[in-house]
Amino acid sequence: MFDTIAGLPVHALVVHGVVVLLPLMSLVTVAWAFVPSAPARVGYAVVAGNALVVVMTFVARFSGEALHRRLGGNVAVEHGQIATLLPFFALSVLFASVLVQGLRSGGVGVPLRLPGVLTAVVVAVALVWTVRTGHSGSEAVWGEIVRNTSP
C-alpha cells in the first residue's frame, strides 16, 4: 500500500506535500492563534488542515519505511531516524490548534495570548524538525550526486 504508485515510490510523491504543507499550516496556525477575532469556521479549517498534514506525515513515514525495505542496506538511515519523529511534531501542531479552537469555542476566560505563545513555541520546534528532516532526506538522495558533478 505504501510502496509504489504507477511505478514510482509513494514516498517521493507524498514527501513533497509534507515539506510544503507542514510549514505552511504551522505558520497559518500561529498567525490564526494570535487573531482572537477570527470566525470559528476559520479555526475549524485550521484544525482540519492540520489533521490532513498529520495524515500526510504518517503516510510519508510508512512509505519511507517501505522504500527503505525496497532499497535495503544502509540507505538514508540517518534520515529515517530523524523522520520517525516528524509525525509527532505535526500532531503537536494539530493539538495546539485544537487547544486554541477549544478555548475560543468554549468561552473559557483564558487570555488567548498564552495559547498563542504555546502555539508559537510548538510551531517553531515543528518547523526546525521539518527542515532537519527534509535536509537529511535531500542529502541522502542528492548529496553524493551533487558532490560528484560540476555545474
Protein backbone atom coordinates (compact mmCIF):
# COMPACT_ATOMS: atom_id res chain seq x y z
CA MET A 1 0.00 0.00 0.00
CA PHE A 2 2.79 2.46 0.85
CA ASP A 3 5.33 1.08 -1.62
CA THR A 4 4.60 2.38 -5.14
CA ILE A 5 2.01 4.18 -7.24
CA ALA A 6 2.26 3.89 -11.02
CA GLY A 7 5.77 2.51 -10.61
CA LEU A 8 7.03 5.42 -8.50
CA PRO A 9 7.82 5.32 -4.79
CA VAL A 10 4.91 6.70 -2.77
CA HIS A 11 7.44 8.39 -0.50
CA ALA A 12 8.84 10.55 -3.30
CA LEU A 13 5.31 11.70 -4.13
CA VAL A 14 4.00 12.36 -0.62
CA VAL A 15 7.08 13.86 0.99
CA HIS A 16 6.86 17.00 -1.15
CA GLY A 17 3.38 17.69 0.19
CA VAL A 18 4.62 17.32 3.76
CA VAL A 19 7.63 19.57 3.18
CA VAL A 20 5.35 22.31 1.82
CA LEU A 21 2.16 21.87 3.85
CA LEU A 22 3.58 21.27 7.32
CA PRO A 23 5.49 24.58 7.40
CA LEU A 24 2.63 26.40 5.67
CA MET A 25 -0.02 25.10 8.07
CA SER A 26 2.30 25.76 11.00
CA LEU A 27 2.64 29.40 10.02
CA VAL A 28 -1.11 29.69 9.37
CA THR A 29 -1.77 28.13 12.78
CA VAL A 30 0.44 30.53 14.70
CA ALA A 31 -0.92 33.54 12.82
CA TRP A 32 -4.51 32.41 13.49
CA ALA A 33 -3.72 31.75 17.16
CA PHE A 34 -2.96 35.45 17.63
CA VAL A 35 -6.14 36.70 15.92
CA PRO A 36 -8.87 36.30 18.54
CA SER A 37 -11.48 37.90 16.30
CA ALA A 38 -11.19 35.18 13.62
CA PRO A 39 -14.52 33.45 12.96
CA ALA A 40 -14.99 29.96 14.38
CA ARG A 41 -15.15 28.45 10.88
CA VAL A 42 -11.58 29.64 10.27
CA GLY A 43 -10.47 27.75 13.36
CA TYR A 44 -12.20 24.60 12.19
CA ALA A 45 -10.48 24.93 8.80
CA VAL A 46 -7.09 25.34 10.52
CA VAL A 47 -7.72 22.25 12.65
CA ALA A 48 -8.86 20.26 9.58
CA GLY A 49 -5.79 21.38 7.60
CA ASN A 50 -3.52 20.32 10.43
CA ALA A 51 -5.28 16.95 10.65
CA LEU A 52 -4.65 16.43 6.93
CA VAL A 53 -0.97 17.25 7.42
CA VAL A 54 -0.74 14.71 10.25
CA VAL A 55 -2.16 12.01 7.97
CA MET A 56 0.31 13.00 5.24
CA THR A 57 3.26 12.80 7.65
CA PHE A 58 2.28 9.29 8.69
CA VAL A 59 1.91 8.27 5.02
CA ALA A 60 5.35 9.77 4.36
CA ARG A 61 6.77 7.83 7.29
CA PHE A 62 5.26 4.49 6.30
CA SER A 63 6.11 4.96 2.64
CA GLY A 64 9.68 5.89 3.62
CA GLU A 65 9.94 2.67 5.60
CA ALA A 66 8.62 0.74 2.57
CA LEU A 67 11.16 2.45 0.31
CA HIS A 68 13.95 1.65 2.77
CA ARG A 69 12.94 -2.03 2.77
CA ARG A 70 12.88 -2.00 -1.04
CA LEU A 71 16.34 -0.40 -1.31
CA GLY A 72 17.81 -2.31 1.62
CA GLY A 73 21.16 -1.76 3.22
CA ASN A 74 22.13 1.48 4.87
CA VAL A 75 20.27 3.84 2.56
CA ALA A 76 19.17 7.05 4.32
CA VAL A 77 19.45 5.56 7.82
CA GLU A 78 20.06 8.94 9.49
CA HIS A 79 17.12 10.44 7.60
CA GLY A 80 14.88 7.59 8.72
CA GLN A 81 15.86 8.10 12.35
CA ILE A 82 15.18 11.84 12.21
CA ALA A 83 11.97 11.47 10.18
CA THR A 84 10.44 8.96 12.59
CA LEU A 85 9.56 11.83 14.93
CA LEU A 86 8.10 14.21 12.34
CA PRO A 87 4.51 12.91 12.57
CA PHE A 88 4.57 13.65 16.29
CA PHE A 89 5.65 17.23 15.66
CA ALA A 90 2.77 17.53 13.19
CA LEU A 91 0.49 16.11 15.89
CA SER A 92 1.74 18.74 18.33
CA VAL A 93 0.74 21.50 15.89
CA LEU A 94 -2.67 19.84 15.50
CA PHE A 95 -3.13 19.63 19.28
CA ALA A 96 -2.13 23.29 19.67
CA SER A 97 -4.75 24.28 17.09
CA VAL A 98 -7.38 22.12 18.81
CA LEU A 99 -6.49 23.77 22.14
CA VAL A 100 -6.86 27.28 20.74
CA GLN A 101 -10.10 26.41 18.96
CA GLY A 102 -11.46 24.71 22.05
CA LEU A 103 -10.67 27.68 24.25
CA ARG A 104 -12.33 30.02 21.77
CA SER A 105 -15.41 27.86 21.26
CA GLY A 106 -15.84 27.08 24.95
CA GLY A 107 -15.81 30.69 26.01
CA VAL A 108 -13.15 29.89 28.59
CA GLY A 109 -11.73 33.02 30.21
CA VAL A 110 -8.12 32.19 29.35
CA PRO A 111 -6.25 35.06 27.71
CA LEU A 112 -5.58 33.94 24.14
CA ARG A 113 -2.05 35.26 24.35
CA LEU A 114 -0.98 32.26 26.45
CA PRO A 115 -2.22 29.59 23.99
CA GLY A 116 -0.83 31.74 21.17
CA VAL A 117 2.63 31.75 22.73
CA LEU A 118 2.41 27.98 23.33
CA THR A 119 1.38 27.52 19.71
CA ALA A 120 4.29 29.67 18.54
CA VAL A 121 6.77 27.54 20.51
CA VAL A 122 5.27 24.29 19.17
CA VAL A 123 5.34 25.67 15.63
CA ALA A 124 8.96 26.81 15.94
CA VAL A 125 10.06 23.34 17.03
CA ALA A 126 7.98 21.67 14.30
CA LEU A 127 9.49 23.96 11.65
CA VAL A 128 13.05 23.23 12.79
CA TRP A 129 12.37 19.49 12.78
CA THR A 130 10.74 19.65 9.34
CA VAL A 131 13.78 21.43 7.89
CA ARG A 132 16.13 18.99 9.60
CA THR A 133 14.16 16.02 8.26
CA GLY A 134 13.93 17.41 4.74
CA HIS A 135 17.61 18.32 4.65
CA SER A 136 18.71 14.86 5.77
CA GLY A 137 16.48 13.26 3.11
CA SER A 138 17.78 15.57 0.39
CA GLU A 139 21.35 14.90 1.45
CA ALA A 140 20.72 11.14 1.34
CA VAL A 141 19.28 11.32 -2.19
CA TRP A 142 21.25 14.14 -3.80
CA GLY A 143 24.40 14.72 -1.73
CA GLU A 144 26.70 12.27 -3.49
CA ILE A 145 25.38 13.16 -6.94
CA VAL A 146 25.99 16.88 -6.45
CA ARG A 147 29.45 16.29 -4.94
CA ASN A 148 30.45 14.21 -7.96
CA THR A 149 29.25 16.58 -10.68
CA SER A 150 30.19 20.09 -11.67
CA PRO A 151 27.89 22.96 -12.58
